Amino acid sequence: MTDFDHFAIAAATLDDGAAHVLTHLGHHMGPGGKHALMSTHNRLSGLAAGEYFEVIAIDPDAAAPDRPRWFDLDRRAGLPRIGNWILRTDDLDALVDRLPQAGRPLSFARGAFRWRMAVPDDGILPYDGCFPALIQWDSPAPTFPDSGLHLAELTLTHPDEGLAACIADLTDDPRITVTVGPRRITARIDTPYGMRVIA
């Protein structure tokens, strides 16, 4: 099985995404960095030990990559939203062998951090991104100061009833729930101001 790692809010700009988080969670996003291979950048904040969330956007100062960007960012439009979520594994190669639709493992580095993530060749994960991206940390994962935020529930909504079986095969985390309906990912977050919802 796997463990919840983080979820990603896709936005036109990092400022747009950070404003979305502030409006819905009352939280100021932390710093982040750049992903040279994908020509994207992000800002990060912690949720609990070993868990976090990010705002991610196309980096306007980077040259276009030689492949489609991850998280379907090349087709992203509209307001910020939770576009994807990520599960952590200790054996990415074995998991991708079993689930080739997850994509091909690519290697990433930023500062002291090293990780591999499965990325589809077209940048689009199954079930319109409701299928999780799969990550293996080859260095210690990032740690964050206590933000006072904790994930209570992540709800994946998609019209295809087959999603539930796929998720059940990947994780037994009771916080991850699947419903049938128009595509949407919604996080219920316990905050210092009470329970808040962001999508």
N, C-alpha and C. Protein backbone atom coordinates (compact mmCIF):
# COMPACT_ATOMS: atom_id res chain seq x y z
N MET A 1 0.84 -1.19 0.00
CA MET A 1 0.00 0.00 0.00
C MET A 1 0.88 1.25 0.00
N THR A 2 0.26 2.38 0.10
CA THR A 2 0.94 3.66 0.00
C THR A 2 0.50 4.56 1.16
N ASP A 3 1.12 5.74 1.25
CA ASP A 3 0.74 6.73 2.26
C ASP A 3 0.43 8.05 1.58
N PHE A 4 -0.52 8.78 2.15
CA PHE A 4 -0.81 10.12 1.64
C PHE A 4 0.43 11.00 1.80
N ASP A 5 0.79 11.72 0.74
CA ASP A 5 1.94 12.62 0.77
C ASP A 5 1.49 14.08 0.74
N HIS A 6 0.78 14.48 -0.31
CA HIS A 6 0.31 15.85 -0.38
C HIS A 6 -0.75 16.00 -1.45
N PHE A 7 -1.40 17.15 -1.47
CA PHE A 7 -2.27 17.50 -2.60
C PHE A 7 -1.79 18.80 -3.21
N ALA A 8 -2.17 19.03 -4.47
CA ALA A 8 -1.65 20.15 -5.25
C ALA A 8 -2.79 21.02 -5.77
N ILE A 9 -2.71 22.30 -5.47
CA ILE A 9 -3.67 23.28 -5.99
C ILE A 9 -3.05 23.93 -7.21
N ALA A 10 -3.64 23.71 -8.37
CA ALA A 10 -3.14 24.28 -9.61
C ALA A 10 -3.73 25.67 -9.80
N ALA A 11 -2.91 26.62 -10.20
CA ALA A 11 -3.36 28.00 -10.37
C ALA A 11 -2.64 28.64 -11.55
N ALA A 12 -3.22 29.74 -12.04
CA ALA A 12 -2.57 30.47 -13.13
C ALA A 12 -1.26 31.07 -12.66
N THR A 13 -1.23 31.56 -11.41
CA THR A 13 -0.02 32.11 -10.82
C THR A 13 0.06 31.67 -9.37
N LEU A 14 1.25 31.72 -8.79
CA LEU A 14 1.39 31.38 -7.39
C LEU A 14 0.61 32.35 -6.50
N ASP A 15 0.56 33.61 -6.88
CA ASP A 15 -0.19 34.58 -6.09
C ASP A 15 -1.68 34.24 -6.10
N ASP A 16 -2.21 33.83 -7.25
CA ASP A 16 -3.62 33.44 -7.32
C ASP A 16 -3.88 32.25 -6.40
N GLY A 17 -3.00 31.26 -6.45
CA GLY A 17 -3.18 30.07 -5.62
C GLY A 17 -3.07 30.38 -4.15
N ALA A 18 -2.10 31.22 -3.77
CA ALA A 18 -1.94 31.59 -2.37
C ALA A 18 -3.15 32.37 -1.87
N ALA A 19 -3.71 33.22 -2.70
CA ALA A 19 -4.92 33.97 -2.31
C ALA A 19 -6.11 33.02 -2.12
N HIS A 20 -6.19 32.00 -2.95
CA HIS A 20 -7.24 30.98 -2.83
C HIS A 20 -7.14 30.27 -1.49
N VAL A 21 -5.92 29.92 -1.09
CA VAL A 21 -5.71 29.25 0.19
C VAL A 21 -6.05 30.20 1.34
N LEU A 22 -5.65 31.43 1.25
CA LEU A 22 -5.93 32.39 2.31
C LEU A 22 -7.43 32.59 2.48
N THR A 23 -8.14 32.68 1.38
CA THR A 23 -9.59 32.87 1.44
C THR A 23 -10.29 31.69 2.09
N HIS A 24 -9.88 30.48 1.74
CA HIS A 24 -10.61 29.29 2.18
C HIS A 24 -10.10 28.72 3.50
N LEU A 25 -8.83 28.87 3.78
CA LEU A 25 -8.25 28.27 4.98
C LEU A 25 -7.74 29.29 5.98
N GLY A 26 -7.67 30.56 5.60
CA GLY A 26 -7.11 31.56 6.49
C GLY A 26 -5.63 31.37 6.75
N HIS A 27 -4.94 30.80 5.77
CA HIS A 27 -3.54 30.42 5.95
C HIS A 27 -2.67 31.08 4.89
N HIS A 28 -1.51 31.59 5.29
CA HIS A 28 -0.53 32.14 4.35
C HIS A 28 0.43 31.03 3.93
N MET A 29 0.50 30.76 2.64
CA MET A 29 1.36 29.69 2.14
C MET A 29 2.82 29.98 2.44
N GLY A 30 3.58 28.89 2.67
CA GLY A 30 5.01 29.00 2.89
C GLY A 30 5.76 29.14 1.58
N PRO A 31 7.09 29.18 1.66
CA PRO A 31 7.91 29.30 0.46
C PRO A 31 7.95 27.98 -0.31
N GLY A 32 8.55 28.03 -1.48
CA GLY A 32 8.70 26.83 -2.30
C GLY A 32 9.93 26.93 -3.17
N GLY A 33 9.77 26.57 -4.43
CA GLY A 33 10.91 26.60 -5.33
C GLY A 33 10.48 26.27 -6.74
N LYS A 34 11.46 25.88 -7.55
CA LYS A 34 11.23 25.65 -8.97
C LYS A 34 11.47 24.19 -9.34
N HIS A 35 10.81 23.75 -10.41
CA HIS A 35 11.00 22.40 -10.97
C HIS A 35 11.51 22.58 -12.40
N ALA A 36 12.83 22.54 -12.58
CA ALA A 36 13.43 22.86 -13.87
C ALA A 36 12.92 21.95 -14.98
N LEU A 37 12.75 20.68 -14.70
CA LEU A 37 12.35 19.73 -15.74
C LEU A 37 10.96 20.05 -16.30
N MET A 38 10.07 20.59 -15.46
CA MET A 38 8.69 20.84 -15.86
C MET A 38 8.39 22.31 -16.11
N SER A 39 9.36 23.19 -15.83
CA SER A 39 9.15 24.64 -15.97
C SER A 39 7.95 25.09 -15.14
N THR A 40 7.91 24.62 -13.90
CA THR A 40 6.87 25.02 -12.96
C THR A 40 7.53 25.50 -11.66
N HIS A 41 6.74 26.12 -10.81
CA HIS A 41 7.22 26.49 -9.48
C HIS A 41 6.08 26.35 -8.49
N ASN A 42 6.41 26.39 -7.19
CA ASN A 42 5.38 26.12 -6.20
C ASN A 42 5.63 26.86 -4.90
N ARG A 43 4.63 26.80 -4.01
CA ARG A 43 4.75 27.20 -2.62
C ARG A 43 4.14 26.07 -1.78
N LEU A 44 4.71 25.83 -0.60
CA LEU A 44 4.38 24.65 0.20
C LEU A 44 3.99 25.05 1.61
N SER A 45 3.11 24.25 2.21
CA SER A 45 2.78 24.37 3.62
C SER A 45 2.49 22.99 4.19
N GLY A 46 2.82 22.79 5.45
CA GLY A 46 2.63 21.51 6.09
C GLY A 46 1.19 21.28 6.54
N LEU A 47 0.83 20.00 6.63
CA LEU A 47 -0.47 19.58 7.16
C LEU A 47 -0.30 18.85 8.48
N ALA A 48 0.60 17.90 8.51
CA ALA A 48 0.89 17.10 9.70
C ALA A 48 2.23 16.45 9.43
N ALA A 49 2.70 15.65 10.37
CA ALA A 49 3.99 14.99 10.17
C ALA A 49 3.99 14.21 8.87
N GLY A 50 4.91 14.55 7.96
CA GLY A 50 5.05 13.82 6.71
C GLY A 50 4.01 14.16 5.67
N GLU A 51 3.16 15.17 5.90
CA GLU A 51 2.12 15.53 4.94
C GLU A 51 2.15 17.04 4.69
N TYR A 52 1.74 17.44 3.49
CA TYR A 52 1.73 18.86 3.16
C TYR A 52 0.81 19.11 1.99
N PHE A 53 0.71 20.37 1.58
CA PHE A 53 0.03 20.70 0.34
C PHE A 53 0.80 21.80 -0.36
N GLU A 54 0.54 21.93 -1.65
CA GLU A 54 1.28 22.91 -2.45
C GLU A 54 0.33 23.68 -3.35
N VAL A 55 0.76 24.89 -3.68
CA VAL A 55 0.21 25.63 -4.81
C VAL A 55 1.24 25.52 -5.92
N ILE A 56 0.80 25.16 -7.12
CA ILE A 56 1.72 24.97 -8.23
C ILE A 56 1.21 25.71 -9.46
N ALA A 57 2.14 26.26 -10.23
CA ALA A 57 1.79 27.02 -11.43
C ALA A 57 2.93 26.93 -12.43
N ILE A 58 2.63 27.25 -13.68
CA ILE A 58 3.67 27.36 -14.70
C ILE A 58 4.58 28.53 -14.33
N ASP A 59 5.88 28.31 -14.42
CA ASP A 59 6.87 29.34 -14.10
C ASP A 59 7.03 30.25 -15.32
N PRO A 60 6.59 31.51 -15.22
CA PRO A 60 6.66 32.38 -16.40
C PRO A 60 8.09 32.76 -16.79
N ASP A 61 9.03 32.56 -15.89
CA ASP A 61 10.43 32.91 -16.19
C ASP A 61 11.22 31.75 -16.79
N ALA A 62 10.61 30.59 -16.90
CA ALA A 62 11.32 29.40 -17.40
C ALA A 62 10.99 29.16 -18.87
N ALA A 63 11.95 28.62 -19.58
CA ALA A 63 11.69 28.22 -20.96
C ALA A 63 10.71 27.05 -20.98
N ALA A 64 9.96 26.94 -22.08
CA ALA A 64 9.00 25.84 -22.19
C ALA A 64 9.74 24.50 -22.13
N PRO A 65 9.20 23.51 -21.44
CA PRO A 65 9.86 22.21 -21.36
C PRO A 65 9.76 21.46 -22.68
N ASP A 66 10.55 20.39 -22.80
CA ASP A 66 10.52 19.61 -24.03
C ASP A 66 9.52 18.46 -23.95
N ARG A 67 8.61 18.53 -22.99
CA ARG A 67 7.58 17.52 -22.80
C ARG A 67 6.38 18.20 -22.16
N PRO A 68 5.18 17.57 -22.20
CA PRO A 68 4.05 18.16 -21.49
C PRO A 68 4.34 18.28 -19.98
N ARG A 69 3.87 19.35 -19.39
CA ARG A 69 4.05 19.53 -17.96
C ARG A 69 3.20 18.54 -17.17
N TRP A 70 3.65 18.25 -15.95
CA TRP A 70 2.88 17.37 -15.07
C TRP A 70 1.62 18.07 -14.60
N PHE A 71 0.74 17.28 -13.96
CA PHE A 71 -0.51 17.76 -13.37
C PHE A 71 -1.42 18.46 -14.38
N ASP A 72 -1.24 18.12 -15.68
CA ASP A 72 -2.11 18.67 -16.73
C ASP A 72 -2.09 20.20 -16.74
N LEU A 73 -0.96 20.79 -16.34
CA LEU A 73 -0.91 22.25 -16.23
C LEU A 73 -0.98 22.96 -17.58
N ASP A 74 -0.63 22.27 -18.65
CA ASP A 74 -0.69 22.91 -19.96
C ASP A 74 -2.13 23.21 -20.38
N ARG A 75 -3.09 22.47 -19.82
CA ARG A 75 -4.50 22.70 -20.17
C ARG A 75 -5.26 23.41 -19.05
N ARG A 76 -4.57 23.75 -17.96
CA ARG A 76 -5.25 24.35 -16.82
C ARG A 76 -5.89 25.68 -17.21
N ALA A 77 -7.11 25.89 -16.75
CA ALA A 77 -7.80 27.15 -17.02
C ALA A 77 -8.74 27.44 -15.85
N GLY A 78 -9.16 28.68 -15.73
CA GLY A 78 -10.13 29.03 -14.71
C GLY A 78 -9.47 29.33 -13.37
N LEU A 79 -10.30 29.30 -12.33
CA LEU A 79 -9.86 29.63 -10.98
C LEU A 79 -8.97 28.54 -10.41
N PRO A 80 -8.20 28.84 -9.38
CA PRO A 80 -7.40 27.80 -8.72
C PRO A 80 -8.29 26.68 -8.21
N ARG A 81 -7.75 25.47 -8.25
CA ARG A 81 -8.50 24.32 -7.72
C ARG A 81 -7.51 23.22 -7.37
N ILE A 82 -7.95 22.29 -6.53
CA ILE A 82 -7.14 21.10 -6.28
C ILE A 82 -7.16 20.28 -7.56
N GLY A 83 -6.02 20.22 -8.21
CA GLY A 83 -5.94 19.51 -9.48
C GLY A 83 -5.52 18.07 -9.33
N ASN A 84 -4.70 17.79 -8.30
CA ASN A 84 -4.14 16.44 -8.13
C ASN A 84 -3.83 16.17 -6.67
N TRP A 85 -3.58 14.90 -6.40
CA TRP A 85 -3.11 14.50 -5.07
C TRP A 85 -2.05 13.43 -5.27
N ILE A 86 -1.24 13.21 -4.26
CA ILE A 86 -0.03 12.42 -4.43
C ILE A 86 0.09 11.41 -3.31
N LEU A 87 0.38 10.17 -3.68
CA LEU A 87 0.63 9.09 -2.73
C LEU A 87 2.10 8.73 -2.73
N ARG A 88 2.63 8.45 -1.56
CA ARG A 88 4.04 8.10 -1.38
C ARG A 88 4.20 6.58 -1.31
N THR A 89 5.22 6.08 -1.98
CA THR A 89 5.52 4.65 -1.97
C THR A 89 7.02 4.45 -1.73
N ASP A 90 7.38 3.29 -1.21
CA ASP A 90 8.79 2.94 -1.04
C ASP A 90 9.34 2.16 -2.22
N ASP A 91 8.47 1.80 -3.19
CA ASP A 91 8.91 1.02 -4.34
C ASP A 91 8.14 1.48 -5.57
N LEU A 92 8.53 2.64 -6.08
CA LEU A 92 7.82 3.22 -7.22
C LEU A 92 7.87 2.33 -8.44
N ASP A 93 9.02 1.71 -8.70
CA ASP A 93 9.15 0.89 -9.91
C ASP A 93 8.16 -0.28 -9.89
N ALA A 94 8.03 -0.94 -8.77
CA ALA A 94 7.11 -2.07 -8.67
C ALA A 94 5.67 -1.60 -8.85
N LEU A 95 5.34 -0.46 -8.27
CA LEU A 95 3.97 0.03 -8.37
C LEU A 95 3.64 0.45 -9.79
N VAL A 96 4.58 1.08 -10.48
CA VAL A 96 4.35 1.48 -11.86
C VAL A 96 4.28 0.26 -12.78
N ASP A 97 5.04 -0.78 -12.48
CA ASP A 97 4.93 -2.02 -13.26
C ASP A 97 3.52 -2.57 -13.18
N ARG A 98 2.92 -2.44 -12.01
CA ARG A 98 1.55 -2.95 -11.80
C ARG A 98 0.50 -1.98 -12.34
N LEU A 99 0.83 -0.69 -12.35
CA LEU A 99 -0.13 0.34 -12.76
C LEU A 99 0.52 1.26 -13.79
N PRO A 100 0.75 0.76 -15.01
CA PRO A 100 1.46 1.57 -16.00
C PRO A 100 0.73 2.86 -16.36
N GLN A 101 -0.57 2.92 -16.11
CA GLN A 101 -1.31 4.15 -16.40
C GLN A 101 -0.86 5.32 -15.53
N ALA A 102 -0.10 5.02 -14.48
CA ALA A 102 0.41 6.09 -13.60
C ALA A 102 1.48 6.91 -14.28
N GLY A 103 2.11 6.38 -15.33
CA GLY A 103 3.15 7.12 -16.03
C GLY A 103 4.51 6.48 -15.86
N ARG A 104 5.54 7.20 -16.31
CA ARG A 104 6.91 6.70 -16.22
C ARG A 104 7.64 7.43 -15.10
N PRO A 105 8.46 6.72 -14.33
CA PRO A 105 9.22 7.40 -13.26
C PRO A 105 10.23 8.38 -13.83
N LEU A 106 10.18 9.61 -13.33
CA LEU A 106 11.14 10.65 -13.68
C LEU A 106 11.84 11.11 -12.41
N SER A 107 13.10 11.51 -12.54
CA SER A 107 13.89 11.92 -11.39
C SER A 107 13.91 13.44 -11.26
N PHE A 108 13.78 13.91 -10.02
CA PHE A 108 13.76 15.34 -9.73
C PHE A 108 14.73 15.64 -8.60
N ALA A 109 15.23 16.87 -8.59
CA ALA A 109 16.11 17.32 -7.51
C ALA A 109 15.88 18.80 -7.29
N ARG A 110 15.89 19.19 -6.03
CA ARG A 110 15.84 20.60 -5.67
C ARG A 110 16.54 20.76 -4.33
N GLY A 111 17.64 21.46 -4.32
CA GLY A 111 18.41 21.59 -3.10
C GLY A 111 18.83 20.21 -2.61
N ALA A 112 18.54 19.94 -1.34
CA ALA A 112 18.91 18.65 -0.76
C ALA A 112 17.90 17.56 -1.06
N PHE A 113 16.79 17.90 -1.69
CA PHE A 113 15.71 16.93 -1.90
C PHE A 113 15.90 16.18 -3.21
N ARG A 114 15.66 14.87 -3.14
CA ARG A 114 15.71 14.00 -4.31
C ARG A 114 14.46 13.13 -4.30
N TRP A 115 13.77 13.08 -5.43
CA TRP A 115 12.58 12.23 -5.49
C TRP A 115 12.34 11.79 -6.92
N ARG A 116 11.56 10.73 -7.02
CA ARG A 116 11.09 10.27 -8.33
C ARG A 116 9.57 10.26 -8.32
N MET A 117 9.00 10.63 -9.44
CA MET A 117 7.54 10.64 -9.56
C MET A 117 7.14 10.03 -10.89
N ALA A 118 6.06 9.30 -10.88
CA ALA A 118 5.52 8.75 -12.12
C ALA A 118 4.70 9.84 -12.81
N VAL A 119 5.06 10.13 -14.06
CA VAL A 119 4.39 11.18 -14.82
C VAL A 119 3.96 10.60 -16.16
N PRO A 120 2.67 10.66 -16.51
CA PRO A 120 2.26 10.20 -17.85
C PRO A 120 2.92 11.03 -18.94
N ASP A 121 3.13 10.41 -20.09
CA ASP A 121 3.80 11.11 -21.18
C ASP A 121 3.04 12.36 -21.62
N ASP A 122 1.70 12.34 -21.50
CA ASP A 122 0.91 13.51 -21.89
C ASP A 122 0.63 14.44 -20.71
N GLY A 123 1.17 14.10 -19.53
CA GLY A 123 0.98 14.93 -18.35
C GLY A 123 -0.38 14.79 -17.68
N ILE A 124 -1.23 13.90 -18.18
CA ILE A 124 -2.61 13.80 -17.68
C ILE A 124 -2.80 12.47 -16.97
N LEU A 125 -3.05 12.51 -15.68
CA LEU A 125 -3.29 11.29 -14.92
C LEU A 125 -4.70 10.77 -15.18
N PRO A 126 -4.92 9.44 -15.01
CA PRO A 126 -6.25 8.87 -15.25
C PRO A 126 -7.33 9.52 -14.40
N TYR A 127 -8.55 9.33 -14.85
CA TYR A 127 -9.72 9.88 -14.16
C TYR A 127 -9.58 11.40 -13.97
N ASP A 128 -9.10 12.07 -15.01
CA ASP A 128 -8.99 13.53 -14.98
C ASP A 128 -8.22 14.03 -13.76
N GLY A 129 -7.20 13.28 -13.36
CA GLY A 129 -6.37 13.68 -12.24
C GLY A 129 -6.87 13.22 -10.89
N CYS A 130 -8.00 12.53 -10.83
CA CYS A 130 -8.45 11.97 -9.55
C CYS A 130 -7.65 10.73 -9.17
N PHE A 131 -7.01 10.09 -10.13
CA PHE A 131 -6.04 9.04 -9.86
C PHE A 131 -4.79 9.72 -9.32
N PRO A 132 -4.18 9.18 -8.26
CA PRO A 132 -3.07 9.91 -7.65
C PRO A 132 -1.78 9.82 -8.44
N ALA A 133 -1.00 10.89 -8.35
CA ALA A 133 0.39 10.81 -8.76
C ALA A 133 1.14 9.99 -7.71
N LEU A 134 2.14 9.26 -8.14
CA LEU A 134 2.90 8.37 -7.25
C LEU A 134 4.32 8.89 -7.11
N ILE A 135 4.78 9.01 -5.87
CA ILE A 135 6.09 9.59 -5.59
C ILE A 135 6.90 8.68 -4.69
N GLN A 136 8.19 8.66 -4.90
CA GLN A 136 9.12 7.99 -3.99
C GLN A 136 10.20 9.00 -3.62
N TRP A 137 10.34 9.25 -2.32
CA TRP A 137 11.38 10.15 -1.85
C TRP A 137 12.68 9.38 -1.71
N ASP A 138 13.70 9.83 -2.44
CA ASP A 138 15.02 9.20 -2.36
C ASP A 138 15.94 9.95 -1.39
N SER A 139 15.47 11.05 -0.87
CA SER A 139 16.09 11.76 0.24
C SER A 139 15.01 11.89 1.31
N PRO A 140 15.34 12.33 2.50
CA PRO A 140 14.27 12.62 3.45
C PRO A 140 13.27 13.61 2.84
N ALA A 141 11.99 13.37 3.05
CA ALA A 141 10.96 14.26 2.53
C ALA A 141 11.02 15.60 3.26
N PRO A 142 10.48 16.65 2.66
CA PRO A 142 10.51 17.95 3.33
C PRO A 142 9.72 17.92 4.63
N THR A 143 10.16 18.71 5.58
CA THR A 143 9.45 18.88 6.84
C THR A 143 9.05 20.35 6.97
N PHE A 144 8.01 20.60 7.77
CA PHE A 144 7.44 21.94 7.85
C PHE A 144 7.14 22.28 9.29
N PRO A 145 7.20 23.57 9.63
CA PRO A 145 6.73 23.97 10.95
C PRO A 145 5.23 23.70 11.07
N ASP A 146 4.76 23.55 12.29
CA ASP A 146 3.35 23.27 12.52
C ASP A 146 2.50 24.44 12.04
N SER A 147 1.68 24.19 11.05
CA SER A 147 0.82 25.23 10.49
C SER A 147 -0.53 25.31 11.20
N GLY A 148 -0.82 24.32 12.04
CA GLY A 148 -2.15 24.24 12.65
C GLY A 148 -3.19 23.65 11.73
N LEU A 149 -2.77 23.20 10.55
CA LEU A 149 -3.68 22.60 9.57
C LEU A 149 -3.48 21.09 9.55
N HIS A 150 -4.59 20.35 9.50
CA HIS A 150 -4.53 18.90 9.42
C HIS A 150 -5.61 18.40 8.46
N LEU A 151 -5.24 17.47 7.60
CA LEU A 151 -6.21 16.92 6.65
C LEU A 151 -7.20 16.02 7.37
N ALA A 152 -8.48 16.35 7.28
CA ALA A 152 -9.53 15.51 7.86
C ALA A 152 -10.12 14.56 6.82
N GLU A 153 -10.23 15.04 5.57
CA GLU A 153 -10.82 14.21 4.53
C GLU A 153 -10.46 14.77 3.16
N LEU A 154 -10.16 13.88 2.23
CA LEU A 154 -9.96 14.25 0.84
C LEU A 154 -10.99 13.47 0.03
N THR A 155 -11.90 14.18 -0.60
CA THR A 155 -12.98 13.54 -1.35
C THR A 155 -12.72 13.67 -2.84
N LEU A 156 -12.70 12.53 -3.52
CA LEU A 156 -12.50 12.46 -4.96
C LEU A 156 -13.85 12.19 -5.60
N THR A 157 -14.29 13.09 -6.44
CA THR A 157 -15.59 12.93 -7.11
C THR A 157 -15.35 12.84 -8.61
N HIS A 158 -15.91 11.80 -9.22
CA HIS A 158 -15.72 11.57 -10.65
C HIS A 158 -16.91 10.78 -11.18
N PRO A 159 -17.32 11.01 -12.44
CA PRO A 159 -18.48 10.28 -12.96
C PRO A 159 -18.24 8.79 -13.19
N ASP A 160 -16.99 8.37 -13.30
CA ASP A 160 -16.69 6.95 -13.56
C ASP A 160 -16.67 6.17 -12.24
N GLU A 161 -17.58 5.22 -12.09
CA GLU A 161 -17.66 4.45 -10.85
C GLU A 161 -16.44 3.56 -10.63
N GLY A 162 -15.62 3.36 -11.66
CA GLY A 162 -14.43 2.52 -11.52
C GLY A 162 -13.35 3.14 -10.68
N LEU A 163 -13.44 4.45 -10.42
CA LEU A 163 -12.40 5.11 -9.64
C LEU A 163 -12.30 4.52 -8.24
N ALA A 164 -13.42 4.20 -7.63
CA ALA A 164 -13.41 3.73 -6.24
C ALA A 164 -12.56 2.48 -6.09
N ALA A 165 -12.67 1.54 -7.02
CA ALA A 165 -11.89 0.31 -6.93
C ALA A 165 -10.40 0.58 -7.12
N CYS A 166 -10.07 1.52 -8.01
CA CYS A 166 -8.66 1.87 -8.22
C CYS A 166 -8.06 2.44 -6.94
N ILE A 167 -8.79 3.32 -6.27
CA ILE A 167 -8.27 3.95 -5.06
C ILE A 167 -8.16 2.93 -3.94
N ALA A 168 -9.15 2.05 -3.82
CA ALA A 168 -9.12 1.03 -2.78
C ALA A 168 -7.92 0.09 -2.95
N ASP A 169 -7.48 -0.08 -4.19
CA ASP A 169 -6.32 -0.94 -4.46
C ASP A 169 -5.00 -0.26 -4.10
N LEU A 170 -5.06 1.07 -3.93
CA LEU A 170 -3.83 1.82 -3.69
C LEU A 170 -3.64 2.23 -2.24
N THR A 171 -4.73 2.54 -1.56
CA THR A 171 -4.60 3.07 -0.19
C THR A 171 -5.78 2.64 0.66
N ASP A 172 -5.51 2.43 1.95
CA ASP A 172 -6.59 2.16 2.90
C ASP A 172 -6.76 3.32 3.87
N ASP A 173 -6.25 4.49 3.50
CA ASP A 173 -6.39 5.67 4.35
C ASP A 173 -7.87 6.04 4.45
N PRO A 174 -8.45 6.01 5.65
CA PRO A 174 -9.89 6.28 5.77
C PRO A 174 -10.27 7.72 5.44
N ARG A 175 -9.28 8.60 5.35
CA ARG A 175 -9.58 9.99 5.01
C ARG A 175 -9.84 10.19 3.53
N ILE A 176 -9.44 9.23 2.71
CA ILE A 176 -9.63 9.33 1.26
C ILE A 176 -10.96 8.69 0.90
N THR A 177 -11.90 9.48 0.41
CA THR A 177 -13.22 8.97 0.06
C THR A 177 -13.49 9.24 -1.42
N VAL A 178 -14.35 8.42 -2.00
CA VAL A 178 -14.67 8.52 -3.43
C VAL A 178 -16.18 8.61 -3.59
N THR A 179 -16.64 9.56 -4.37
CA THR A 179 -18.05 9.69 -4.69
C THR A 179 -18.22 9.80 -6.20
N VAL A 180 -19.44 9.59 -6.67
CA VAL A 180 -19.75 9.66 -8.09
C VAL A 180 -20.43 10.98 -8.39
N GLY A 181 -19.94 11.68 -9.39
CA GLY A 181 -20.51 12.96 -9.77
C GLY A 181 -19.54 13.72 -10.65
N PRO A 182 -19.82 15.00 -10.94
CA PRO A 182 -18.90 15.79 -11.76
C PRO A 182 -17.53 15.88 -11.10
N ARG A 183 -16.48 15.86 -11.91
CA ARG A 183 -15.11 15.79 -11.42
C ARG A 183 -14.79 16.93 -10.45
N ARG A 184 -14.26 16.55 -9.29
CA ARG A 184 -13.91 17.54 -8.26
C ARG A 184 -13.06 16.85 -7.20
N ILE A 185 -12.08 17.54 -6.66
CA ILE A 185 -11.32 17.07 -5.50
C ILE A 185 -11.51 18.12 -4.41
N THR A 186 -11.96 17.67 -3.26
CA THR A 186 -12.27 18.57 -2.15
C THR A 186 -11.53 18.11 -0.90
N ALA A 187 -10.89 19.04 -0.21
CA ALA A 187 -10.19 18.72 1.04
C ALA A 187 -10.91 19.40 2.20
N ARG A 188 -11.17 18.61 3.24
CA ARG A 188 -11.70 19.16 4.48
C ARG A 188 -10.53 19.26 5.44
N ILE A 189 -10.25 20.48 5.91
CA ILE A 189 -9.04 20.76 6.69
C ILE A 189 -9.44 21.28 8.07
N ASP A 190 -8.88 20.65 9.09
CA ASP A 190 -9.02 21.15 10.46
C ASP A 190 -8.02 22.29 10.64
N THR A 191 -8.50 23.50 10.91
CA THR A 191 -7.66 24.68 11.03
C THR A 191 -7.81 25.30 12.41
N PRO A 192 -6.95 26.25 12.77
CA PRO A 192 -7.13 26.95 14.05
C PRO A 192 -8.46 27.69 14.14
N TYR A 193 -9.15 27.88 13.00
CA TYR A 193 -10.40 28.61 12.96
C TYR A 193 -11.60 27.66 12.82
N GLY A 194 -11.36 26.36 12.98
CA GLY A 194 -12.42 25.38 12.80
C GLY A 194 -12.24 24.62 11.49
N MET A 195 -13.20 23.78 11.18
CA MET A 195 -13.13 22.98 9.96
C MET A 195 -13.41 23.86 8.75
N ARG A 196 -12.53 23.80 7.77
CA ARG A 196 -12.68 24.55 6.53
C ARG A 196 -12.61 23.58 5.35
N VAL A 197 -13.15 24.02 4.21
CA VAL A 197 -13.17 23.20 3.00
C VAL A 197 -12.53 23.99 1.88
N ILE A 198 -11.67 23.31 1.12
CA ILE A 198 -11.05 23.92 -0.05
C ILE A 198 -11.11 22.92 -1.20
N ALA A 199 -11.35 23.42 -2.39
CA ALA A 199 -11.46 22.56 -3.58
C ALA A 199 -10.66 23.19 -4.72
